[in-house]
């Protein structure tokens, strides 16, 4: 069933990259190009993992090949987040944004007991950064009026992505199996939906 998960994720990210590329060609907006890079890098990571499963019927031993693509995709998502936010939003003070490290740091310590410390530091660090900026942006958007409030959809999309990642990692620590009976399978499906949801969320933000 892990193969089905990865095929669905590969298809989702490929479609996302294709639609983002079309939107960029039509509008010329940098945000769509960055979203294309996000989907493209994620798709490359999923492609290696899927091909390895197809050829060898086992999980890749050298997982860093896929991880490079996935880390790059999150970096592009952060650049997109910074590109879409206004200077006023970046300067906005929001105490609730500190919920991101308050939630993420204990999870980082927990994940380090199960896996590679460096990998967990990189991933959790990026998720904390994304979540912090998304929470701040979400509350800033609530102070705006008109089309500017549409930025909240993008920030909600980023938070859903971060939450789905955290949920998948946490559940995977207890249920490493990927059969449909395992919660890990359905958490991976939730992550796929969150990834797909970033496309309409970005479109709303671009229109803001």
C-alpha atoms as a PDB file:
ATOM      1  CA  UNK A   1       0.000   0.000   0.000  1.00  0.00           C
ATOM      2  CA  UNK A   2       3.003   2.286   0.386  1.00  0.00           C
ATOM      3  CA  UNK A   3       3.324   2.213  -3.389  1.00  0.00           C
ATOM      4  CA  UNK A   4      -0.284   3.442  -3.788  1.00  0.00           C
ATOM      5  CA  UNK A   5       0.370   6.267  -1.308  1.00  0.00           C
ATOM      6  CA  UNK A   6       3.426   7.423  -3.204  1.00  0.00           C
ATOM      7  CA  UNK A   7       1.788   7.103  -6.607  1.00  0.00           C
ATOM      8  CA  UNK A   8      -1.104   9.291  -5.434  1.00  0.00           C
ATOM      9  CA  UNK A   9       1.313  11.818  -3.959  1.00  0.00           C
ATOM     10  CA  UNK A  10       3.383  11.811  -7.152  1.00  0.00           C
ATOM     11  CA  UNK A  11       0.266  12.345  -9.274  1.00  0.00           C
ATOM     12  CA  UNK A  12      -0.978  15.129  -6.987  1.00  0.00           C
ATOM     13  CA  UNK A  13       2.311  17.026  -7.037  1.00  0.00           C
ATOM     14  CA  UNK A  14       2.688  16.541 -10.807  1.00  0.00           C
ATOM     15  CA  UNK A  15      -0.794  17.973 -11.394  1.00  0.00           C
ATOM     16  CA  UNK A  16      -0.027  20.797  -8.966  1.00  0.00           C
ATOM     17  CA  UNK A  17       3.205  21.612 -10.813  1.00  0.00           C
ATOM     18  CA  UNK A  18       1.414  21.516 -14.174  1.00  0.00           C
ATOM     19  CA  UNK A  19      -1.408  23.836 -13.058  1.00  0.00           C
ATOM     20  CA  UNK A  20       1.053  26.183 -11.346  1.00  0.00           C
ATOM     21  CA  UNK A  21       3.129  26.319 -14.516  1.00  0.00           C
ATOM     22  CA  UNK A  22       0.058  27.153 -16.604  1.00  0.00           C
ATOM     23  CA  UNK A  23      -0.962  29.866 -14.127  1.00  0.00           C
ATOM     24  CA  UNK A  24       2.555  31.333 -14.220  1.00  0.00           C
ATOM     25  CA  UNK A  25       2.592  31.346 -18.022  1.00  0.00           C
ATOM     26  CA  UNK A  26      -0.748  33.151 -18.151  1.00  0.00           C
ATOM     27  CA  UNK A  27      -0.166  35.694 -15.387  1.00  0.00           C
ATOM     28  CA  UNK A  28       3.602  35.965 -15.088  1.00  0.00           C
ATOM     29  CA  UNK A  29       3.229  36.178 -11.297  1.00  0.00           C
ATOM     30  CA  UNK A  30       6.291  35.094  -9.336  1.00  0.00           C
ATOM     31  CA  UNK A  31       4.109  33.378  -6.720  1.00  0.00           C
ATOM     32  CA  UNK A  32       3.000  30.751  -9.241  1.00  0.00           C
ATOM     33  CA  UNK A  33       6.614  30.108 -10.282  1.00  0.00           C
ATOM     34  CA  UNK A  34       7.582  29.503  -6.636  1.00  0.00           C
ATOM     35  CA  UNK A  35       4.577  27.219  -6.212  1.00  0.00           C
ATOM     36  CA  UNK A  36       5.705  25.361  -9.338  1.00  0.00           C
ATOM     37  CA  UNK A  37       9.128  24.898  -7.726  1.00  0.00           C
ATOM     38  CA  UNK A  38       7.475  23.637  -4.525  1.00  0.00           C
ATOM     39  CA  UNK A  39       5.408  21.043  -6.364  1.00  0.00           C
ATOM     40  CA  UNK A  40       8.259  20.141  -8.715  1.00  0.00           C
ATOM     41  CA  UNK A  41      10.764  19.448  -5.950  1.00  0.00           C
ATOM     42  CA  UNK A  42       8.221  17.478  -3.947  1.00  0.00           C
ATOM     43  CA  UNK A  43       7.368  15.463  -7.069  1.00  0.00           C
ATOM     44  CA  UNK A  44      11.049  14.660  -7.699  1.00  0.00           C
ATOM     45  CA  UNK A  45      11.399  13.304  -4.161  1.00  0.00           C
ATOM     46  CA  UNK A  46       8.235  11.242  -4.563  1.00  0.00           C
ATOM     47  CA  UNK A  47       9.386  10.024  -7.988  1.00  0.00           C
ATOM     48  CA  UNK A  48      12.617   8.536  -6.633  1.00  0.00           C
ATOM     49  CA  UNK A  49      10.775   6.877  -3.746  1.00  0.00           C
ATOM     50  CA  UNK A  50       8.070   5.478  -6.050  1.00  0.00           C
ATOM     51  CA  UNK A  51      10.527   4.160  -8.662  1.00  0.00           C
ATOM     52  CA  UNK A  52      12.569   2.473  -5.944  1.00  0.00           C
ATOM     53  CA  UNK A  53       9.450   0.762  -4.589  1.00  0.00           C
ATOM     54  CA  UNK A  54       8.469  -0.345  -8.096  1.00  0.00           C
ATOM     55  CA  UNK A  55      11.912  -1.722  -8.969  1.00  0.00           C
ATOM     56  CA  UNK A  56      12.995  -3.234  -5.662  1.00  0.00           C
ATOM     57  CA  UNK A  57       9.702  -3.669  -3.772  1.00  0.00           C
ATOM     58  CA  UNK A  58      11.189  -2.166  -0.626  1.00  0.00           C
ATOM     59  CA  UNK A  59      11.696   1.218   1.017  1.00  0.00           C
ATOM     60  CA  UNK A  60      14.833   3.056  -0.206  1.00  0.00           C
ATOM     61  CA  UNK A  61      17.826   2.542   2.045  1.00  0.00           C
ATOM     62  CA  UNK A  62      19.371   5.855   1.008  1.00  0.00           C
ATOM     63  CA  UNK A  63      16.374   8.036   1.844  1.00  0.00           C
ATOM     64  CA  UNK A  64      18.405  11.255   1.607  1.00  0.00           C
ATOM     65  CA  UNK A  65      17.946  11.283  -2.175  1.00  0.00           C
ATOM     66  CA  UNK A  66      14.207  11.885  -1.737  1.00  0.00           C
ATOM     67  CA  UNK A  67      14.768  14.048   1.314  1.00  0.00           C
ATOM     68  CA  UNK A  68      16.804  16.568  -0.689  1.00  0.00           C
ATOM     69  CA  UNK A  69      13.795  17.101  -2.958  1.00  0.00           C
ATOM     70  CA  UNK A  70      11.345  17.361  -0.079  1.00  0.00           C
ATOM     71  CA  UNK A  71      13.537  19.785   1.895  1.00  0.00           C
ATOM     72  CA  UNK A  72      13.954  21.937  -1.217  1.00  0.00           C
ATOM     73  CA  UNK A  73      10.170  21.992  -1.677  1.00  0.00           C
ATOM     74  CA  UNK A  74       9.628  23.330   1.847  1.00  0.00           C
ATOM     75  CA  UNK A  75      12.308  25.977   1.285  1.00  0.00           C
ATOM     76  CA  UNK A  76      10.426  27.127  -1.831  1.00  0.00           C
ATOM     77  CA  UNK A  77       7.189  27.173   0.190  1.00  0.00           C
ATOM     78  CA  UNK A  78       8.848  29.441   2.748  1.00  0.00           C
ATOM     79  CA  UNK A  79      10.115  31.745  -0.033  1.00  0.00           C
ATOM     80  CA  UNK A  80       6.571  31.832  -1.427  1.00  0.00           C
ATOM     81  CA  UNK A  81       5.255  32.682   2.026  1.00  0.00           C
ATOM     82  CA  UNK A  82       7.722  35.559   2.335  1.00  0.00           C
ATOM     83  CA  UNK A  83       6.967  36.791  -1.197  1.00  0.00           C
ATOM     84  CA  UNK A  84       3.230  36.962  -0.595  1.00  0.00           C
ATOM     85  CA  UNK A  85       3.473  38.705   2.772  1.00  0.00           C
ATOM     86  CA  UNK A  86       3.564  42.492   2.991  1.00  0.00           C
ATOM     87  CA  UNK A  87       6.226  44.363   5.023  1.00  0.00           C
ATOM     88  CA  UNK A  88       3.490  45.325   7.494  1.00  0.00           C
ATOM     89  CA  UNK A  89       2.637  41.669   7.990  1.00  0.00           C
ATOM     90  CA  UNK A  90       6.257  40.718   8.633  1.00  0.00           C
ATOM     91  CA  UNK A  91       6.512  43.509  11.223  1.00  0.00           C
ATOM     92  CA  UNK A  92       3.209  42.543  12.871  1.00  0.00           C
ATOM     93  CA  UNK A  93       3.616  41.413  16.483  1.00  0.00           C
ATOM     94  CA  UNK A  94       1.585  38.363  17.412  1.00  0.00           C
ATOM     95  CA  UNK A  95       2.083  36.474  20.660  1.00  0.00           C
ATOM     96  CA  UNK A  96       0.035  33.552  19.383  1.00  0.00           C
ATOM     97  CA  UNK A  97       2.721  32.877  16.790  1.00  0.00           C
ATOM     98  CA  UNK A  98       4.908  31.550  19.601  1.00  0.00           C
ATOM     99  CA  UNK A  99       2.577  28.562  19.760  1.00  0.00           C
ATOM    100  CA  UNK A 100       4.581  27.235  16.810  1.00  0.00           C
ATOM    101  CA  UNK A 101       7.841  26.668  18.751  1.00  0.00           C
ATOM    102  CA  UNK A 102       5.905  25.783  21.910  1.00  0.00           C
ATOM    103  CA  UNK A 103       4.288  22.946  19.940  1.00  0.00           C
ATOM    104  CA  UNK A 104       7.197  22.082  17.652  1.00  0.00           C
ATOM    105  CA  UNK A 105      10.163  21.930  20.041  1.00  0.00           C
ATOM    106  CA  UNK A 106       8.712  19.171  22.289  1.00  0.00           C
ATOM    107  CA  UNK A 107       7.818  17.205  19.151  1.00  0.00           C
ATOM    108  CA  UNK A 108      11.388  17.656  17.899  1.00  0.00           C
ATOM    109  CA  UNK A 109      12.724  16.155  21.127  1.00  0.00           C
ATOM    110  CA  UNK A 110      10.257  13.277  20.759  1.00  0.00           C
ATOM    111  CA  UNK A 111      11.169  12.570  17.115  1.00  0.00           C
ATOM    112  CA  UNK A 112      14.892  12.565  17.918  1.00  0.00           C
ATOM    113  CA  UNK A 113      14.344   9.475  20.075  1.00  0.00           C
ATOM    114  CA  UNK A 114      13.069   7.620  16.998  1.00  0.00           C
ATOM    115  CA  UNK A 115      15.184   8.807  14.088  1.00  0.00           C
ATOM    116  CA  UNK A 116      18.138  10.759  12.726  1.00  0.00           C
ATOM    117  CA  UNK A 117      18.819  13.866  14.824  1.00  0.00           C
ATOM    118  CA  UNK A 118      20.075  16.074  11.977  1.00  0.00           C
ATOM    119  CA  UNK A 119      17.115  15.220   9.746  1.00  0.00           C
ATOM    120  CA  UNK A 120      14.653  15.944  12.560  1.00  0.00           C
ATOM    121  CA  UNK A 121      16.377  19.249  13.356  1.00  0.00           C
ATOM    122  CA  UNK A 122      16.087  20.354   9.729  1.00  0.00           C
ATOM    123  CA  UNK A 123      12.473  19.252   9.257  1.00  0.00           C
ATOM    124  CA  UNK A 124      11.112  20.465  12.585  1.00  0.00           C
ATOM    125  CA  UNK A 125      13.036  23.715  12.274  1.00  0.00           C
ATOM    126  CA  UNK A 126      11.415  24.403   8.906  1.00  0.00           C
ATOM    127  CA  UNK A 127       7.946  23.450  10.152  1.00  0.00           C
ATOM    128  CA  UNK A 128       8.298  25.709  13.200  1.00  0.00           C
ATOM    129  CA  UNK A 129       9.402  28.598  10.960  1.00  0.00           C
ATOM    130  CA  UNK A 130       6.562  28.037   8.494  1.00  0.00           C
ATOM    131  CA  UNK A 131       4.001  27.719  11.283  1.00  0.00           C
ATOM    132  CA  UNK A 132       5.236  30.801  13.129  1.00  0.00           C
ATOM    133  CA  UNK A 133       4.939  32.972  10.007  1.00  0.00           C
ATOM    134  CA  UNK A 134       1.586  31.423   9.055  1.00  0.00           C
ATOM    135  CA  UNK A 135       0.028  32.066  12.472  1.00  0.00           C
ATOM    136  CA  UNK A 136       1.317  35.640  12.464  1.00  0.00           C
ATOM    137  CA  UNK A 137       0.031  36.161   8.924  1.00  0.00           C
ATOM    138  CA  UNK A 138      -3.348  34.640   9.747  1.00  0.00           C
ATOM    139  CA  UNK A 139      -3.976  37.047  12.619  1.00  0.00           C
ATOM    140  CA  UNK A 140      -2.656  39.963  10.572  1.00  0.00           C
ATOM    141  CA  UNK A 141      -5.060  39.094   7.748  1.00  0.00           C
ATOM    142  CA  UNK A 142      -7.950  39.267  10.207  1.00  0.00           C
ATOM    143  CA  UNK A 143      -7.152  42.933  10.774  1.00  0.00           C
ATOM    144  CA  UNK A 144      -7.471  43.674   7.048  1.00  0.00           C
ATOM    145  CA  UNK A 145     -10.541  44.431   4.966  1.00  0.00           C
ATOM    146  CA  UNK A 146     -11.655  43.541   1.462  1.00  0.00           C
ATOM    147  CA  UNK A 147      -9.517  41.351  -0.796  1.00  0.00           C
ATOM    148  CA  UNK A 148      -6.527  41.610   1.572  1.00  0.00           C
ATOM    149  CA  UNK A 149      -8.311  39.245   3.953  1.00  0.00           C
ATOM    150  CA  UNK A 150      -7.957  36.494   1.332  1.00  0.00           C
ATOM    151  CA  UNK A 151      -4.360  36.014   2.468  1.00  0.00           C
ATOM    152  CA  UNK A 152      -5.799  34.082   5.381  1.00  0.00           C
ATOM    153  CA  UNK A 153      -6.588  31.167   3.040  1.00  0.00           C
ATOM    154  CA  UNK A 154      -2.932  30.800   2.148  1.00  0.00           C
ATOM    155  CA  UNK A 155      -1.845  30.891   5.786  1.00  0.00           C
ATOM    156  CA  UNK A 156      -4.492  28.317   6.677  1.00  0.00           C
ATOM    157  CA  UNK A 157      -3.212  26.141   3.825  1.00  0.00           C
ATOM    158  CA  UNK A 158       0.356  26.341   5.135  1.00  0.00           C
ATOM    159  CA  UNK A 159      -0.809  25.486   8.657  1.00  0.00           C
ATOM    160  CA  UNK A 160      -2.746  22.493   7.321  1.00  0.00           C
ATOM    161  CA  UNK A 161       0.389  21.326   5.515  1.00  0.00           C
ATOM    162  CA  UNK A 162       2.510  21.679   8.668  1.00  0.00           C
ATOM    163  CA  UNK A 163      -0.142  19.967  10.821  1.00  0.00           C
ATOM    164  CA  UNK A 164      -0.420  17.061   8.352  1.00  0.00           C
ATOM    165  CA  UNK A 165       3.375  16.635   8.384  1.00  0.00           C
ATOM    166  CA  UNK A 166       3.509  16.635  12.185  1.00  0.00           C
ATOM    167  CA  UNK A 167       0.603  14.202  12.365  1.00  0.00           C
ATOM    168  CA  UNK A 168       2.194  11.823   9.855  1.00  0.00           C
ATOM    169  CA  UNK A 169       5.535  11.830  11.652  1.00  0.00           C
ATOM    170  CA  UNK A 170       3.932  11.304  15.067  1.00  0.00           C
ATOM    171  CA  UNK A 171       1.620   8.506  13.973  1.00  0.00           C
ATOM    172  CA  UNK A 172       4.468   6.894  12.014  1.00  0.00           C
ATOM    173  CA  UNK A 173       6.462   6.545  15.233  1.00  0.00           C
ATOM    174  CA  UNK A 174       3.780   4.248  16.658  1.00  0.00           C
ATOM    175  CA  UNK A 175       2.353   2.627  13.516  1.00  0.00           C
ATOM    176  CA  UNK A 176       5.144   2.227  10.943  1.00  0.00           C
ATOM    177  CA  UNK A 177       3.007  -0.063   8.772  1.00  0.00           C
ATOM    178  CA  UNK A 178       1.384   1.503   5.686  1.00  0.00           C
ATOM    179  CA  UNK A 179      -1.606  -0.784   5.139  1.00  0.00           C
ATOM    180  CA  UNK A 180      -5.123   0.765   4.929  1.00  0.00           C
ATOM    181  CA  UNK A 181      -5.745  -0.517   8.441  1.00  0.00           C
ATOM    182  CA  UNK A 182      -2.881   1.654   9.730  1.00  0.00           C
ATOM    183  CA  UNK A 183      -3.454   5.297  10.752  1.00  0.00           C
ATOM    184  CA  UNK A 184      -0.200   6.137   8.944  1.00  0.00           C
ATOM    185  CA  UNK A 185      -1.815   5.391   5.574  1.00  0.00           C
ATOM    186  CA  UNK A 186      -4.671   7.823   6.192  1.00  0.00           C
ATOM    187  CA  UNK A 187      -2.357  10.494   7.601  1.00  0.00           C
ATOM    188  CA  UNK A 188      -0.351  10.272   4.385  1.00  0.00           C
ATOM    189  CA  UNK A 189      -3.581  10.735   2.424  1.00  0.00           C
ATOM    190  CA  UNK A 190      -4.342  13.787   4.575  1.00  0.00           C
ATOM    191  CA  UNK A 191      -0.903  15.205   3.734  1.00  0.00           C
ATOM    192  CA  UNK A 192      -1.595  14.681   0.025  1.00  0.00           C
ATOM    193  CA  UNK A 193      -4.847  16.654   0.336  1.00  0.00           C
ATOM    194  CA  UNK A 194      -3.047  19.425   2.228  1.00  0.00           C
ATOM    195  CA  UNK A 195      -0.436  19.638  -0.540  1.00  0.00           C
ATOM    196  CA  UNK A 196      -3.143  19.875  -3.190  1.00  0.00           C
ATOM    197  CA  UNK A 197      -4.981  22.525  -1.174  1.00  0.00           C
ATOM    198  CA  UNK A 198      -2.010  24.891  -1.409  1.00  0.00           C
ATOM    199  CA  UNK A 199      -2.848  25.581  -5.061  1.00  0.00           C
ATOM    200  CA  UNK A 200      -6.279  27.228  -4.551  1.00  0.00           C
ATOM    201  CA  UNK A 201      -4.982  28.852  -1.354  1.00  0.00           C
ATOM    202  CA  UNK A 202      -2.140  30.491  -3.283  1.00  0.00           C
ATOM    203  CA  UNK A 203      -4.554  31.618  -6.009  1.00  0.00           C
ATOM    204  CA  UNK A 204      -6.654  33.363  -3.353  1.00  0.00           C
ATOM    205  CA  UNK A 205      -3.537  35.051  -1.933  1.00  0.00           C
ATOM    206  CA  UNK A 206      -2.368  36.224  -5.350  1.00  0.00           C
ATOM    207  CA  UNK A 207      -5.763  37.847  -5.918  1.00  0.00           C
ATOM    208  CA  UNK A 208      -5.552  39.664  -2.571  1.00  0.00           C
END
